[in-house]
Each structure stands twice: as C-alpha cells, then as structure tokens.
PDB file of N, CA and C in Angstrom:
ATOM      1  N   ASN A   1       1.139   2.327   7.336  1.00  0.00           N
ATOM      2  CA  ASN A   1       1.377   3.171   8.666  1.00  0.00           C
ATOM      3  C   ASN A   1       1.910   4.595   8.159  1.00  0.00           C
ATOM      4  N   ILE A   2       1.010   5.675   8.812  1.00  0.00           N
ATOM      5  CA  ILE A   2       1.608   6.879   8.327  1.00  0.00           C
ATOM      6  C   ILE A   2       3.209   7.204   8.651  1.00  0.00           C
ATOM      7  N   LYS A   3       3.516   7.041   9.896  1.00  0.00           N
ATOM      8  CA  LYS A   3       4.628   6.922  10.537  1.00  0.00           C
ATOM      9  C   LYS A   3       5.762   6.315   9.665  1.00  0.00           C
ATOM     10  N   CYS A   4       5.518   5.003   9.087  1.00  0.00           N
ATOM     11  CA  CYS A   4       6.538   4.480   8.491  1.00  0.00           C
ATOM     12  C   CYS A   4       6.473   4.983   7.028  1.00  0.00           C
ATOM     13  N   LEU A   5       5.712   5.147   6.543  1.00  0.00           N
ATOM     14  CA  LEU A   5       5.575   5.849   5.118  1.00  0.00           C
ATOM     15  C   LEU A   5       6.533   7.232   5.207  1.00  0.00           C
ATOM     16  N   CYS A   6       6.263   7.959   6.253  1.00  0.00           N
ATOM     17  CA  CYS A   6       7.028   9.115   6.294  1.00  0.00           C
ATOM     18  C   CYS A   6       8.489   8.997   6.445  1.00  0.00           C
ATOM     19  N   LYS A   7       8.803   7.854   7.570  1.00  0.00           N
ATOM     20  CA  LYS A   7      10.238   7.484   7.866  1.00  0.00           C
ATOM     21  C   LYS A   7      10.733   7.280   6.385  1.00  0.00           C
ATOM     22  N   ALA A   8      10.492   6.325   5.750  1.00  0.00           N
ATOM     23  CA  ALA A   8      10.867   5.556   4.379  1.00  0.00           C
ATOM     24  C   ALA A   8      10.923   6.896   3.563  1.00  0.00           C
ATOM     25  N   ALA A   9       9.669   7.669   3.403  1.00  0.00           N
ATOM     26  CA  ALA A   9       9.571   8.792   2.114  1.00  0.00           C
ATOM     27  C   ALA A   9      10.698   9.906   2.843  1.00  0.00           C
ATOM     28  N   ALA A  10      10.984  10.326   4.228  1.00  0.00           N
ATOM     29  CA  ALA A  10      12.059  11.041   4.499  1.00  0.00           C
ATOM     30  C   ALA A  10      13.269  10.662   4.100  1.00  0.00           C
ATOM     31  N   ARG A  11      13.657   9.074   4.392  1.00  0.00           N
ATOM     32  CA  ARG A  11      14.882   8.374   3.932  1.00  0.00           C
ATOM     33  C   ARG A  11      14.908   8.711   2.334  1.00  0.00           C
ATOM     34  N   GLN A  12      13.971   8.531   1.515  1.00  0.00           N
ATOM     35  CA  GLN A  12      14.318   8.651   0.260  1.00  0.00           C
ATOM     36  C   GLN A  12      14.462  10.381  -0.196  1.00  0.00           C
ATOM     37  N   TRP A  13      13.670  11.107   0.428  1.00  0.00           N
ATOM     38  CA  TRP A  13      14.138  12.435   0.011  1.00  0.00           C
ATOM     39  C   TRP A  13      15.286  13.022   0.609  1.00  0.00           C
ATOM     40  N   ARG A  14      15.693  12.221   1.428  1.00  0.00           N
ATOM     41  CA  ARG A  14      16.865  13.161   2.135  1.00  0.00           C
ATOM     42  C   ARG A  14      18.136  12.628   1.188  1.00  0.00           C
ATOM     43  N   ARG A  15      18.240  11.347   0.531  1.00  0.00           N
ATOM     44  CA  ARG A  15      19.054  10.513  -0.328  1.00  0.00           C
ATOM     45  C   ARG A  15      19.064  11.683  -1.549  1.00  0.00           C
ATOM     46  N   LYS A  16      17.773  12.277  -1.736  1.00  0.00           N
ATOM     47  CA  LYS A  16      17.810  13.109  -3.137  1.00  0.00           C
ATOM     48  C   LYS A  16      18.356  14.427  -2.670  1.00  0.00           C
ATOM     49  N   GLY A  17      18.469  14.943  -1.235  1.00  0.00           N
ATOM     50  CA  GLY A  17      18.735  16.071  -0.869  1.00  0.00           C
ATOM     51  C   GLY A  17      18.071  17.194  -1.144  1.00  0.00           C
ATOM     52  N   ASP A  18      16.786  17.073  -0.929  1.00  0.00           N
ATOM     53  CA  ASP A  18      15.512  18.166  -1.209  1.00  0.00           C
ATOM     54  C   ASP A  18      16.134  19.299  -0.128  1.00  0.00           C
ATOM     55  N   ARG A  19      16.522  18.894   0.673  1.00  0.00           N
ATOM     56  CA  ARG A  19      16.789  20.359   1.739  1.00  0.00           C
ATOM     57  C   ARG A  19      18.514  20.233   2.081  1.00  0.00           C
TER      58      ARG A  19
END
C-alpha cells in the first residue's frame, strides 16, 4: 500500500535526516 510504503520510507528518510 502506498500509505504503508510512505510511512516506512518516511521512517527511513527520517533516520538519515533528509530534513
């Protein structure tokens, strides 16, 4: 699901500190 993927991806990106 896009939502699930979005959440998972967001978590990964957050870990990297994209923002």
